[in-house]
N, C-alpha and C. Protein backbone atom coordinates (compact mmCIF):
# COMPACT_ATOMS: atom_id res chain seq x y z
N MET A 1 -13.50 15.80 18.71
CA MET A 1 -13.65 16.82 17.94
C MET A 1 -13.89 18.17 18.93
N THR A 2 -13.04 18.85 19.09
CA THR A 2 -12.94 19.92 20.22
C THR A 2 -13.88 21.13 19.72
N ASP A 3 -13.98 21.27 18.36
CA ASP A 3 -14.92 22.54 18.02
C ASP A 3 -16.19 21.91 17.79
N PHE A 4 -16.65 21.02 18.58
CA PHE A 4 -18.27 20.24 18.15
C PHE A 4 -18.97 21.28 19.49
N ILE A 5 -20.07 21.92 18.56
CA ILE A 5 -20.97 22.58 19.66
C ILE A 5 -22.24 21.82 19.44
N TYR A 6 -22.82 21.34 20.76
CA TYR A 6 -24.04 20.70 20.32
C TYR A 6 -25.24 21.84 20.19
N ALA A 7 -25.62 21.35 19.13
CA ALA A 7 -27.28 22.43 18.72
C ALA A 7 -28.39 21.51 18.42
N PRO A 8 -29.14 20.73 19.30
CA PRO A 8 -29.99 19.92 18.86
C PRO A 8 -31.10 20.47 17.76
N PRO A 9 -31.82 19.98 17.03
CA PRO A 9 -32.98 20.51 16.44
C PRO A 9 -34.21 20.46 17.49
N ASP A 10 -35.01 21.78 16.58
CA ASP A 10 -36.25 22.11 17.51
C ASP A 10 -37.19 21.15 17.42
N ALA A 11 -37.01 20.44 16.05
CA ALA A 11 -38.26 19.36 15.79
C ALA A 11 -38.53 18.54 16.91
N THR A 12 -39.98 18.41 16.79
CA THR A 12 -40.69 17.61 17.87
C THR A 12 -40.52 15.93 17.20
N PRO A 13 -40.01 15.09 18.02
CA PRO A 13 -40.01 13.71 17.49
C PRO A 13 -41.37 13.42 17.09
N VAL A 14 -41.09 12.72 16.05
CA VAL A 14 -42.61 11.82 15.72
C VAL A 14 -42.79 10.59 16.05
N ILE A 15 -43.76 10.21 16.66
CA ILE A 15 -44.26 8.90 17.33
C ILE A 15 -44.63 8.26 16.08
N LEU A 16 -44.00 7.04 15.74
CA LEU A 16 -44.40 6.14 14.66
C LEU A 16 -45.56 5.07 15.05
N HIS A 17 -45.48 4.67 16.39
CA HIS A 17 -46.42 3.80 16.91
C HIS A 17 -46.32 3.56 18.22
N GLU A 18 -47.40 3.66 19.04
CA GLU A 18 -47.29 3.52 20.65
C GLU A 18 -48.36 2.30 20.87
N ASP A 19 -48.19 1.55 21.98
CA ASP A 19 -49.08 0.68 22.69
C ASP A 19 -48.49 0.60 24.12
N HIS A 20 -49.39 -0.20 24.62
CA HIS A 20 -49.20 -0.52 26.31
C HIS A 20 -47.79 -0.79 26.63
N GLU A 21 -46.94 -1.50 25.68
CA GLU A 21 -45.63 -1.96 26.01
C GLU A 21 -44.29 -0.88 25.29
N LEU A 22 -44.83 -0.44 24.08
CA LEU A 22 -43.73 0.05 23.25
C LEU A 22 -44.07 1.48 22.80
N ILE A 23 -43.06 2.33 22.50
CA ILE A 23 -43.09 3.25 21.71
C ILE A 23 -42.04 3.30 20.54
N PHE A 24 -42.53 3.68 19.45
CA PHE A 24 -41.30 3.93 18.19
C PHE A 24 -41.39 5.22 17.86
N VAL A 25 -40.04 6.01 17.72
CA VAL A 25 -40.12 7.31 17.51
C VAL A 25 -39.21 7.25 16.21
N ASP A 26 -39.41 8.45 15.51
CA ASP A 26 -38.30 8.92 14.50
C ASP A 26 -37.35 10.01 15.11
N LYS A 27 -36.15 9.46 15.30
CA LYS A 27 -35.23 10.41 16.07
C LYS A 27 -34.69 11.34 14.99
N PRO A 28 -34.89 12.67 14.99
CA PRO A 28 -34.02 13.35 14.04
C PRO A 28 -32.57 13.57 14.16
N ALA A 29 -32.05 13.74 13.10
CA ALA A 29 -30.60 13.86 13.19
C ALA A 29 -29.95 15.32 13.94
N GLY A 30 -29.09 14.99 14.78
CA GLY A 30 -28.54 16.21 15.43
C GLY A 30 -29.07 15.98 17.04
N LEU A 31 -29.79 15.24 17.48
CA LEU A 31 -30.45 15.27 18.51
C LEU A 31 -29.94 13.93 19.35
N LEU A 32 -29.45 13.83 20.46
CA LEU A 32 -28.54 12.74 21.22
C LEU A 32 -29.92 11.96 21.61
N SER A 33 -29.58 10.70 21.64
CA SER A 33 -30.68 9.60 22.16
C SER A 33 -30.89 9.72 23.61
N VAL A 34 -29.71 10.00 24.28
CA VAL A 34 -29.72 10.11 25.84
C VAL A 34 -28.72 11.15 26.17
N PRO A 35 -28.91 11.56 27.44
CA PRO A 35 -28.10 12.84 27.56
C PRO A 35 -26.49 12.46 27.69
N GLY A 36 -25.86 13.52 27.13
CA GLY A 36 -24.34 13.71 27.25
C GLY A 36 -23.77 13.87 28.47
N LYS A 37 -22.53 14.36 28.45
CA LYS A 37 -21.91 15.09 29.79
C LYS A 37 -22.09 16.42 29.76
N GLY A 38 -22.49 16.79 30.86
CA GLY A 38 -22.53 18.20 31.01
C GLY A 38 -24.20 18.60 30.67
N ALA A 39 -24.29 19.71 31.58
CA ALA A 39 -25.89 20.44 31.38
C ALA A 39 -26.08 20.88 29.92
N HIS A 40 -25.01 21.16 29.24
CA HIS A 40 -25.20 21.82 28.11
C HIS A 40 -25.75 20.44 26.90
N MET A 41 -25.61 19.43 27.41
CA MET A 41 -25.95 18.13 26.47
C MET A 41 -26.92 17.21 27.12
N ALA A 42 -27.89 18.04 27.99
CA ALA A 42 -29.02 17.35 28.68
C ALA A 42 -30.02 17.07 27.80
N ASP A 43 -30.05 18.18 26.68
CA ASP A 43 -31.45 17.90 25.89
C ASP A 43 -31.12 16.70 24.85
N CYS A 44 -32.09 15.60 24.95
CA CYS A 44 -31.85 14.59 24.37
C CYS A 44 -33.59 13.76 23.90
N LEU A 45 -33.37 12.70 23.09
CA LEU A 45 -34.71 12.29 22.50
C LEU A 45 -35.53 11.71 23.95
N ILE A 46 -34.92 11.04 24.64
CA ILE A 46 -35.68 10.38 25.90
C ILE A 46 -35.93 11.37 26.88
N ALA A 47 -35.40 12.50 26.90
CA ALA A 47 -35.75 13.60 27.76
C ALA A 47 -36.93 14.26 27.18
N ARG A 48 -37.06 14.32 26.16
CA ARG A 48 -38.16 14.98 25.35
C ARG A 48 -39.51 14.06 25.22
N LEU A 49 -39.24 12.87 25.40
CA LEU A 49 -40.19 11.93 25.34
C LEU A 49 -40.77 11.82 26.72
N ARG A 50 -40.10 12.09 27.84
CA ARG A 50 -40.55 11.90 29.20
C ARG A 50 -41.57 12.92 29.78
N GLY A 51 -41.86 13.99 28.90
CA GLY A 51 -42.95 14.74 29.21
C GLY A 51 -44.33 13.91 29.01
N ALA A 52 -44.57 13.54 27.71
CA ALA A 52 -45.48 12.85 27.51
C ALA A 52 -45.78 11.30 28.05
N PHE A 53 -44.41 10.50 28.16
CA PHE A 53 -44.40 9.47 28.70
C PHE A 53 -43.32 8.83 29.69
N PRO A 54 -43.60 9.62 30.95
CA PRO A 54 -42.75 9.56 32.27
C PRO A 54 -42.18 8.20 32.53
N GLU A 55 -42.80 7.09 31.94
CA GLU A 55 -42.21 5.71 32.39
C GLU A 55 -41.34 5.26 31.27
N ILE A 56 -41.02 5.90 30.45
CA ILE A 56 -40.20 5.31 29.31
C ILE A 56 -38.87 4.98 29.56
N LEU A 57 -38.53 3.96 29.12
CA LEU A 57 -37.14 2.97 29.50
C LEU A 57 -36.29 2.94 28.31
N LEU A 58 -35.04 3.13 28.30
CA LEU A 58 -33.88 2.71 27.16
C LEU A 58 -34.08 1.43 26.73
N VAL A 59 -33.68 1.29 25.31
CA VAL A 59 -33.77 -0.19 25.07
C VAL A 59 -32.06 -0.05 24.26
N HIS A 60 -32.09 0.78 23.05
CA HIS A 60 -30.96 0.89 22.37
C HIS A 60 -30.56 2.30 21.86
N ARG A 61 -29.69 2.58 21.15
CA ARG A 61 -29.40 3.83 20.84
C ARG A 61 -29.09 4.33 19.34
N LEU A 62 -29.19 5.35 18.92
CA LEU A 62 -28.68 5.57 17.62
C LEU A 62 -27.58 6.92 17.67
N ASP A 63 -26.61 6.87 16.96
CA ASP A 63 -25.83 8.01 17.00
C ASP A 63 -26.57 9.33 17.03
N LEU A 64 -25.82 10.37 17.59
CA LEU A 64 -26.35 11.76 17.47
C LEU A 64 -26.63 12.10 15.90
N ASP A 65 -25.68 11.76 15.21
CA ASP A 65 -26.01 12.16 13.73
C ASP A 65 -26.81 11.49 12.81
N THR A 66 -27.42 10.20 13.38
CA THR A 66 -28.26 9.34 12.52
C THR A 66 -29.69 9.66 12.90
N SER A 67 -30.45 9.63 12.00
CA SER A 67 -31.97 9.76 12.20
C SER A 67 -32.55 8.19 11.89
N GLY A 68 -33.96 8.33 12.40
CA GLY A 68 -34.56 7.29 12.04
C GLY A 68 -34.99 6.55 13.40
N VAL A 69 -35.55 5.20 12.98
CA VAL A 69 -36.71 4.44 14.12
C VAL A 69 -35.66 4.16 15.22
N MET A 70 -36.39 4.53 16.43
CA MET A 70 -35.76 3.99 17.79
C MET A 70 -36.96 3.28 18.56
N VAL A 71 -36.76 2.41 19.36
CA VAL A 71 -37.85 1.75 20.21
C VAL A 71 -37.40 1.98 21.62
N PHE A 72 -38.58 2.42 22.22
CA PHE A 72 -38.33 2.43 23.74
C PHE A 72 -39.47 1.67 24.30
N ALA A 73 -39.05 1.23 25.74
CA ALA A 73 -39.94 0.34 26.39
C ALA A 73 -40.90 1.18 27.43
N ARG A 74 -42.08 0.68 27.66
CA ARG A 74 -42.72 1.36 28.66
C ARG A 74 -42.98 0.67 29.84
N THR A 75 -42.42 -0.76 30.01
CA THR A 75 -42.62 -1.41 31.22
C THR A 75 -41.04 -2.11 31.28
N PRO A 76 -40.78 -2.69 32.63
CA PRO A 76 -39.54 -3.09 32.88
C PRO A 76 -39.34 -4.56 32.13
N HIS A 77 -40.80 -5.20 32.10
CA HIS A 77 -40.83 -6.48 31.56
C HIS A 77 -40.42 -6.18 29.69
N ALA A 78 -40.96 -5.13 29.17
CA ALA A 78 -40.69 -4.85 27.64
C ALA A 78 -39.37 -4.50 27.66
N GLN A 79 -38.69 -3.99 28.61
CA GLN A 79 -37.46 -3.45 28.34
C GLN A 79 -36.25 -4.58 28.30
N ARG A 80 -36.46 -5.72 29.13
CA ARG A 80 -35.86 -7.02 29.28
C ARG A 80 -35.90 -7.72 28.18
N HIS A 81 -37.42 -7.85 27.81
CA HIS A 81 -37.46 -8.70 26.56
C HIS A 81 -36.75 -8.07 25.06
N LEU A 82 -36.89 -6.61 25.08
CA LEU A 82 -36.35 -6.13 23.69
C LEU A 82 -34.72 -6.31 24.00
N GLY A 83 -34.11 -5.73 25.18
CA GLY A 83 -33.06 -6.31 25.24
C GLY A 83 -32.19 -7.34 25.19
N LEU A 84 -33.02 -8.59 25.36
CA LEU A 84 -32.74 -9.76 25.09
C LEU A 84 -32.52 -9.77 23.26
N GLN A 85 -33.67 -9.43 22.73
CA GLN A 85 -33.60 -9.45 21.57
C GLN A 85 -32.40 -8.76 20.77
N PHE A 86 -32.07 -7.86 21.10
CA PHE A 86 -30.74 -6.90 20.54
C PHE A 86 -29.72 -7.54 20.80
N GLU A 87 -29.63 -8.15 22.05
CA GLU A 87 -28.49 -8.86 22.63
C GLU A 87 -27.92 -10.01 21.80
N LYS A 88 -29.35 -10.82 21.33
CA LYS A 88 -29.12 -11.96 20.64
C LYS A 88 -29.27 -11.77 19.05
N ARG A 89 -29.32 -10.71 18.71
CA ARG A 89 -29.21 -10.27 17.20
C ARG A 89 -30.56 -10.75 16.84
N GLN A 90 -31.46 -10.64 17.58
CA GLN A 90 -32.91 -11.20 16.94
C GLN A 90 -33.89 -10.25 16.45
N THR A 91 -33.09 -8.95 16.43
CA THR A 91 -33.87 -7.77 15.83
C THR A 91 -33.26 -7.73 14.29
N ARG A 92 -34.19 -7.05 13.31
CA ARG A 92 -33.72 -6.70 12.04
C ARG A 92 -33.72 -5.24 11.86
N LYS A 93 -32.52 -4.85 11.59
CA LYS A 93 -32.46 -3.15 11.34
C LYS A 93 -32.13 -2.91 9.81
N THR A 94 -32.74 -2.11 9.15
CA THR A 94 -32.34 -1.53 7.80
C THR A 94 -32.00 -0.18 7.99
N TYR A 95 -30.69 0.33 7.23
CA TYR A 95 -30.66 1.70 7.10
C TYR A 95 -30.44 1.97 5.53
N ILE A 96 -30.65 3.34 5.13
CA ILE A 96 -30.47 3.75 3.95
C ILE A 96 -29.32 4.79 4.47
N ALA A 97 -28.27 4.78 3.48
CA ALA A 97 -27.35 5.39 3.38
C ALA A 97 -26.95 6.12 2.02
N ARG A 98 -26.40 7.55 1.95
CA ARG A 98 -25.74 7.89 0.72
C ARG A 98 -24.16 7.91 0.83
N VAL A 99 -23.46 7.30 0.22
CA VAL A 99 -22.19 7.08 0.21
C VAL A 99 -21.35 7.72 -1.00
N ALA A 100 -20.06 8.09 -0.59
CA ALA A 100 -19.36 8.66 -1.79
C ALA A 100 -18.82 7.53 -2.89
N GLY A 101 -18.92 8.06 -4.03
CA GLY A 101 -18.41 7.06 -5.02
C GLY A 101 -19.27 6.23 -5.66
N GLN A 102 -18.94 5.51 -6.75
CA GLN A 102 -19.81 4.95 -7.34
C GLN A 102 -19.57 3.49 -7.20
N VAL A 103 -20.37 2.76 -6.23
CA VAL A 103 -20.25 1.60 -5.97
C VAL A 103 -20.46 0.35 -7.04
N GLN A 104 -19.50 -0.33 -7.27
CA GLN A 104 -19.56 -1.25 -8.71
C GLN A 104 -20.29 -2.64 -8.21
N ALA A 105 -20.33 -3.12 -7.12
CA ALA A 105 -20.85 -4.33 -6.86
C ALA A 105 -22.34 -4.11 -6.52
N ARG A 106 -23.23 -5.17 -6.64
CA ARG A 106 -24.63 -5.21 -6.44
C ARG A 106 -24.84 -5.13 -4.89
N SER A 107 -24.02 -5.98 -4.04
CA SER A 107 -24.12 -6.58 -2.66
C SER A 107 -22.83 -6.96 -2.20
N GLY A 108 -22.86 -6.86 -0.85
CA GLY A 108 -21.74 -7.20 -0.18
C GLY A 108 -21.70 -7.59 1.24
N HIS A 109 -20.72 -8.08 1.90
CA HIS A 109 -20.77 -8.07 3.25
C HIS A 109 -19.34 -7.91 3.73
N VAL A 110 -19.37 -7.10 4.97
CA VAL A 110 -18.14 -6.65 5.55
C VAL A 110 -17.89 -7.32 6.60
N ASP A 111 -16.82 -7.84 6.78
CA ASP A 111 -16.50 -8.43 8.22
C ASP A 111 -15.45 -7.80 8.73
N LEU A 112 -15.32 -6.91 9.52
CA LEU A 112 -14.19 -6.38 9.94
C LEU A 112 -13.95 -5.95 11.31
N PRO A 113 -13.44 -6.34 12.43
CA PRO A 113 -13.45 -5.99 13.77
C PRO A 113 -13.27 -4.69 14.05
N LEU A 114 -13.92 -3.93 15.23
CA LEU A 114 -13.86 -2.64 15.60
C LEU A 114 -13.55 -2.51 16.84
N THR A 115 -12.77 -1.43 17.02
CA THR A 115 -12.39 -1.14 18.50
C THR A 115 -12.12 0.60 18.52
N VAL A 116 -12.18 1.01 19.66
CA VAL A 116 -12.10 2.70 19.86
C VAL A 116 -10.81 3.15 19.50
N ASP A 117 -10.72 4.23 18.73
CA ASP A 117 -9.62 4.80 18.58
C ASP A 117 -9.15 5.93 19.38
N TRP A 118 -8.62 5.39 20.70
CA TRP A 118 -8.35 5.91 21.92
C TRP A 118 -8.05 7.58 21.69
N PRO A 119 -6.90 7.74 21.00
CA PRO A 119 -6.30 9.23 20.69
C PRO A 119 -7.44 10.02 20.14
N ASN A 120 -8.30 9.49 19.49
CA ASN A 120 -9.32 10.37 18.52
C ASN A 120 -10.89 10.06 18.78
N ARG A 121 -10.91 9.63 20.05
CA ARG A 121 -12.35 9.29 20.44
C ARG A 121 -13.25 10.57 19.98
N PRO A 122 -14.45 10.14 19.81
CA PRO A 122 -15.26 9.22 19.76
C PRO A 122 -14.95 8.30 18.51
N ARG A 123 -14.03 8.46 17.85
CA ARG A 123 -13.79 7.61 16.42
C ARG A 123 -13.65 6.03 16.76
N GLN A 124 -13.82 5.21 16.00
CA GLN A 124 -13.75 3.89 15.90
C GLN A 124 -12.74 3.62 14.69
N MET A 125 -12.15 2.50 15.12
CA MET A 125 -11.33 2.09 13.79
C MET A 125 -11.35 0.42 13.79
N VAL A 126 -10.97 -0.03 12.47
CA VAL A 126 -10.80 -1.43 12.24
C VAL A 126 -9.24 -1.71 12.98
N CYS A 127 -9.48 -3.04 13.63
CA CYS A 127 -8.33 -3.42 14.56
C CYS A 127 -8.37 -5.06 14.60
N HIS A 128 -7.48 -5.96 13.88
CA HIS A 128 -7.78 -7.25 13.81
C HIS A 128 -7.27 -7.90 15.16
N ASP A 129 -6.46 -6.86 15.95
CA ASP A 129 -5.86 -7.60 16.98
C ASP A 129 -6.73 -7.49 18.23
N THR A 130 -7.38 -6.48 18.57
CA THR A 130 -8.21 -6.21 19.73
C THR A 130 -9.53 -5.84 19.21
N GLY A 131 -9.94 -5.78 18.08
CA GLY A 131 -11.19 -5.31 17.78
C GLY A 131 -12.42 -6.47 18.27
N ARG A 132 -13.56 -5.88 18.19
CA ARG A 132 -14.85 -6.98 18.45
C ARG A 132 -15.49 -7.14 17.08
N SER A 133 -16.07 -8.29 16.82
CA SER A 133 -16.45 -8.79 15.78
C SER A 133 -17.59 -7.82 15.23
N ALA A 134 -17.41 -7.31 13.90
CA ALA A 134 -18.50 -6.44 13.55
C ALA A 134 -18.85 -6.99 11.79
N GLN A 135 -20.12 -7.05 11.61
CA GLN A 135 -20.46 -7.30 10.10
C GLN A 135 -21.69 -6.65 9.67
N THR A 136 -21.42 -6.38 8.58
CA THR A 136 -22.53 -5.51 7.90
C THR A 136 -22.90 -6.11 6.49
N ASP A 137 -24.08 -6.45 6.40
CA ASP A 137 -24.57 -6.59 4.90
C ASP A 137 -24.90 -5.36 4.18
N TRP A 138 -24.90 -5.31 2.95
CA TRP A 138 -25.29 -4.08 1.98
C TRP A 138 -25.56 -4.47 0.72
N ALA A 139 -26.64 -3.51 0.12
CA ALA A 139 -26.95 -3.89 -1.02
C ALA A 139 -27.05 -2.43 -1.78
N LEU A 140 -26.82 -2.39 -3.02
CA LEU A 140 -26.85 -0.96 -3.81
C LEU A 140 -28.09 -0.92 -4.28
N MET A 141 -28.87 0.46 -3.89
CA MET A 141 -29.89 0.80 -4.63
C MET A 141 -29.78 1.52 -5.70
N ARG A 142 -29.05 2.50 -5.68
CA ARG A 142 -29.21 2.93 -7.27
C ARG A 142 -27.74 4.26 -6.92
N HIS A 143 -27.16 4.44 -8.45
CA HIS A 143 -26.22 5.19 -8.56
C HIS A 143 -26.68 6.81 -8.32
N GLU A 144 -26.10 7.60 -7.86
CA GLU A 144 -26.54 8.86 -7.60
C GLU A 144 -25.29 9.71 -8.54
N ASP A 145 -25.57 11.38 -8.58
CA ASP A 145 -24.73 12.16 -9.26
C ASP A 145 -23.38 11.95 -8.53
N THR A 146 -23.24 11.96 -7.41
CA THR A 146 -21.76 11.90 -6.70
C THR A 146 -21.62 10.83 -5.78
N GLY A 147 -22.43 9.83 -6.10
CA GLY A 147 -22.25 8.81 -5.12
C GLY A 147 -23.17 7.71 -5.55
N SER A 148 -23.52 6.86 -4.41
CA SER A 148 -24.32 5.91 -4.65
C SER A 148 -25.43 5.79 -2.89
N ARG A 149 -26.54 5.29 -3.32
CA ARG A 149 -27.53 4.98 -2.19
C ARG A 149 -27.51 3.32 -1.90
N LEU A 150 -27.27 3.19 -0.46
CA LEU A 150 -27.17 1.85 -0.38
C LEU A 150 -28.32 1.40 0.64
N ARG A 151 -28.60 0.30 0.81
CA ARG A 151 -29.35 -0.36 2.14
C ARG A 151 -28.61 -1.16 2.84
N LEU A 152 -28.23 -0.50 4.15
CA LEU A 152 -27.37 -1.41 5.04
C LEU A 152 -28.27 -2.23 6.12
N MET A 153 -27.76 -3.35 6.25
CA MET A 153 -28.30 -4.42 7.24
C MET A 153 -27.02 -4.91 8.31
N PRO A 154 -26.99 -4.08 9.28
CA PRO A 154 -26.23 -4.56 10.27
C PRO A 154 -26.29 -5.94 10.83
N VAL A 155 -25.61 -6.56 11.02
CA VAL A 155 -25.45 -8.22 11.68
C VAL A 155 -25.18 -8.06 13.09
N THR A 156 -24.30 -7.10 13.48
CA THR A 156 -23.82 -6.90 14.85
C THR A 156 -24.19 -5.25 15.20
N GLY A 157 -24.11 -4.92 16.23
CA GLY A 157 -24.27 -3.77 16.44
C GLY A 157 -23.03 -2.69 17.34
N ARG A 158 -22.12 -2.66 16.73
CA ARG A 158 -20.90 -1.81 17.42
C ARG A 158 -21.20 -0.53 17.27
N SER A 159 -20.39 0.30 18.03
CA SER A 159 -20.33 1.72 17.85
C SER A 159 -19.80 2.17 16.39
N HIS A 160 -20.73 2.90 15.72
CA HIS A 160 -20.04 3.65 14.48
C HIS A 160 -19.97 2.61 13.53
N GLN A 161 -20.53 1.36 13.56
CA GLN A 161 -20.27 0.20 12.87
C GLN A 161 -20.39 0.66 11.27
N LEU A 162 -21.43 1.06 10.88
CA LEU A 162 -21.82 1.40 9.45
C LEU A 162 -20.85 2.42 8.96
N ARG A 163 -20.69 3.34 9.73
CA ARG A 163 -19.92 4.42 9.25
C ARG A 163 -18.25 3.85 9.19
N VAL A 164 -17.74 3.37 10.01
CA VAL A 164 -16.37 2.78 9.77
C VAL A 164 -16.41 1.61 8.48
N HIS A 165 -17.58 0.75 8.53
CA HIS A 165 -17.33 -0.20 7.36
C HIS A 165 -17.54 0.35 6.15
N MET A 166 -18.46 1.25 5.96
CA MET A 166 -18.26 2.00 4.90
C MET A 166 -16.98 2.77 4.30
N LEU A 167 -16.32 3.29 5.44
CA LEU A 167 -15.08 3.86 5.08
C LEU A 167 -14.00 2.93 4.68
N ALA A 168 -14.16 1.83 5.29
CA ALA A 168 -13.14 0.78 5.35
C ALA A 168 -13.17 0.15 3.70
N ILE A 169 -14.48 0.17 2.96
CA ILE A 169 -14.37 -0.38 1.61
C ILE A 169 -14.21 0.75 0.87
N GLY A 170 -14.09 1.99 1.32
CA GLY A 170 -13.74 3.21 0.27
C GLY A 170 -14.95 3.92 -0.20
N HIS A 171 -16.01 3.94 0.64
CA HIS A 171 -17.31 4.68 0.31
C HIS A 171 -17.64 5.37 1.45
N PRO A 172 -16.96 6.23 2.16
CA PRO A 172 -17.53 6.84 3.43
C PRO A 172 -18.88 7.45 3.29
N ILE A 173 -19.64 7.52 4.03
CA ILE A 173 -20.83 8.09 4.07
C ILE A 173 -21.04 9.37 4.05
N LEU A 174 -21.86 10.14 3.26
CA LEU A 174 -21.87 11.50 2.91
C LEU A 174 -22.34 12.47 4.06
N GLY A 175 -21.30 13.58 4.27
CA GLY A 175 -21.88 14.49 5.34
C GLY A 175 -21.44 13.81 6.76
N ASP A 176 -20.59 12.74 6.75
CA ASP A 176 -20.05 12.30 8.02
C ASP A 176 -18.91 13.05 8.44
N PRO A 177 -19.31 13.86 9.78
CA PRO A 177 -18.22 14.65 10.38
C PRO A 177 -16.99 14.21 11.00
N LEU A 178 -17.08 12.90 11.30
CA LEU A 178 -15.75 12.03 11.79
C LEU A 178 -15.17 11.22 10.87
N TYR A 179 -15.79 10.70 9.62
CA TYR A 179 -14.97 9.78 8.85
C TYR A 179 -15.01 10.26 7.29
N ALA A 180 -15.95 11.10 6.99
CA ALA A 180 -15.64 11.71 5.79
C ALA A 180 -14.66 12.97 5.53
N SER A 181 -14.09 13.01 4.42
CA SER A 181 -13.31 14.54 4.21
C SER A 181 -13.34 15.14 2.66
N GLY A 182 -13.07 16.04 2.72
CA GLY A 182 -13.10 16.79 1.42
C GLY A 182 -14.53 17.10 0.98
N ALA A 183 -14.88 16.92 -0.31
CA ALA A 183 -16.23 17.08 -0.70
C ALA A 183 -17.23 16.21 -0.10
N ALA A 184 -16.88 14.86 0.13
CA ALA A 184 -17.78 13.94 0.77
C ALA A 184 -18.25 14.39 2.14
N ARG A 185 -17.56 15.38 2.85
CA ARG A 185 -17.92 16.01 4.18
C ARG A 185 -18.89 16.98 4.19
N ALA A 186 -18.88 17.82 3.07
CA ALA A 186 -19.43 18.97 2.83
C ALA A 186 -20.87 18.96 2.59
N TYR A 187 -21.86 18.15 3.61
CA TYR A 187 -23.18 18.10 3.32
C TYR A 187 -23.78 18.63 4.70
N PRO A 188 -25.20 18.96 4.72
CA PRO A 188 -25.72 19.51 5.71
C PRO A 188 -25.92 18.46 6.91
N ARG A 189 -25.80 17.39 6.73
CA ARG A 189 -26.16 16.38 7.75
C ARG A 189 -25.24 14.62 7.32
N LEU A 190 -25.38 14.10 8.00
CA LEU A 190 -24.66 12.71 7.92
C LEU A 190 -25.78 11.92 7.32
N MET A 191 -25.50 11.38 5.86
CA MET A 191 -26.64 10.71 5.14
C MET A 191 -26.64 9.46 5.48
N LEU A 192 -27.43 9.14 6.72
CA LEU A 192 -27.46 7.71 7.37
C LEU A 192 -28.93 7.80 8.16
N HIS A 193 -29.88 6.93 7.65
CA HIS A 193 -31.13 6.70 8.43
C HIS A 193 -31.70 5.58 8.68
N ALA A 194 -32.02 5.28 9.89
CA ALA A 194 -32.47 4.20 10.40
C ALA A 194 -33.92 3.75 9.76
N LYS A 195 -34.15 3.27 8.65
CA LYS A 195 -35.41 2.94 7.87
C LYS A 195 -36.32 2.26 8.51
N GLU A 196 -35.72 1.15 8.94
CA GLU A 196 -37.00 0.17 9.57
C GLU A 196 -36.26 -0.74 10.48
N LEU A 197 -37.30 -1.08 11.50
CA LEU A 197 -37.04 -1.95 12.81
C LEU A 197 -37.86 -3.15 12.91
N ARG A 198 -37.45 -4.49 12.58
CA ARG A 198 -38.16 -5.49 13.07
C ARG A 198 -37.82 -6.24 14.25
N LEU A 199 -38.95 -6.44 15.16
CA LEU A 199 -38.58 -7.30 16.37
C LEU A 199 -39.97 -8.02 16.67
N ARG A 200 -39.65 -8.56 17.66
CA ARG A 200 -40.92 -9.29 18.27
C ARG A 200 -41.56 -8.40 19.52
N HIS A 201 -42.91 -8.53 19.37
CA HIS A 201 -43.52 -7.84 20.53
C HIS A 201 -43.59 -8.36 21.97
N PRO A 202 -43.10 -7.63 23.06
CA PRO A 202 -42.87 -8.57 24.10
C PRO A 202 -44.35 -8.88 24.90
N ASP A 203 -45.28 -8.35 24.27
CA ASP A 203 -46.76 -9.19 24.97
C ASP A 203 -47.22 -9.98 23.70
N GLY A 204 -46.85 -11.52 23.73
CA GLY A 204 -47.34 -12.59 22.77
C GLY A 204 -46.32 -12.61 21.72
N GLY A 205 -45.21 -11.90 21.42
CA GLY A 205 -43.95 -12.46 20.48
C GLY A 205 -44.42 -12.48 19.18
N ARG A 206 -45.59 -11.46 18.61
CA ARG A 206 -45.77 -11.27 17.27
C ARG A 206 -44.93 -10.31 16.52
N GLY A 207 -44.51 -10.46 15.33
CA GLY A 207 -43.79 -9.63 14.69
C GLY A 207 -44.02 -8.31 14.42
N VAL A 208 -43.35 -7.20 14.68
CA VAL A 208 -43.66 -5.76 14.40
C VAL A 208 -42.54 -5.31 13.66
N THR A 209 -43.02 -4.40 12.47
CA THR A 209 -42.25 -3.79 11.78
C THR A 209 -42.74 -2.18 11.53
N ILE A 210 -41.71 -1.57 12.07
CA ILE A 210 -42.12 0.04 11.85
C ILE A 210 -41.10 0.54 11.01
N SER A 211 -41.60 1.42 10.09
CA SER A 211 -40.69 1.94 9.23
C SER A 211 -40.70 3.73 9.32
N ALA A 212 -39.68 4.34 9.00
CA ALA A 212 -39.66 5.75 9.23
C ALA A 212 -39.24 6.40 8.02
N PRO A 213 -39.95 7.37 7.29
CA PRO A 213 -39.58 7.79 5.82
C PRO A 213 -38.21 8.43 6.00
N VAL A 214 -37.54 8.15 4.72
CA VAL A 214 -36.22 8.73 4.61
C VAL A 214 -36.11 9.95 4.15
N PRO A 215 -35.22 10.83 5.04
CA PRO A 215 -35.68 12.45 4.80
C PRO A 215 -34.72 12.95 3.93
N PHE A 216 -33.60 12.24 3.01
CA PHE A 216 -32.93 12.87 2.10
C PHE A 216 -32.90 11.91 0.91
C-alpha cells in the first residue's frame, strides 16, 4: 500500500492485568505491536509500555489494524514459557469480527493454507502448493444490518489468517484496508478484535483468562 500513512492513535494502552511475570494489555487499533521500518514507525505498543515496564519482553503480535488482548513477559523465563505455549498451540484465542454478508451456517471450520502474496506484500493468499497449514474455527453470533457478527477461534497463528480466511469464504471483515472492497471497506477501522486470551501462567501453570471489551 504505497499510500499508507502511519498515524497511531493517542490513546494510552489499557493494562488489563499485571503481575510479577506477565502484563496483559488492550492494544488499540492502528498501533503497531513492535516498531516498523523507519523512524516514522517507531511508535508502537511495546515502546509505549517500556516507560512503565522497562523489562518488558515480546511474546506475540497483533496486526496493526487489530485491537484487543496482547500478553507481554516481564522475565526471560516467562517469555520462554509463553513462547512454547504459542508454538505448541496450547493457548486459546477468541476474536470478534464483523463481516460482510449474511452468514448462513451457524458455525464452520476453514482449513486453507496461506503464503505471502509477494507482489502485493504485506497481503497473504491461499496457496495449496506452497502455503503453510492454517485453520480457523468460527461461530455465528448474530446477523446485523449489513453483515454478520462472528466469533473466530484460530487453531493456527499465521499472518493475516483470520482476514484471509474470512475473505476466502466470501465474508471479508468489514473495514479491512487490504482484503475488503467497496462498501465493505468503507468503515473507520478493521472490525476485528482479540476478545479473549487463555493460557497457563509461567509461575505454577494455573489457567489464566483475560478479556478486553469489544469496541464495536
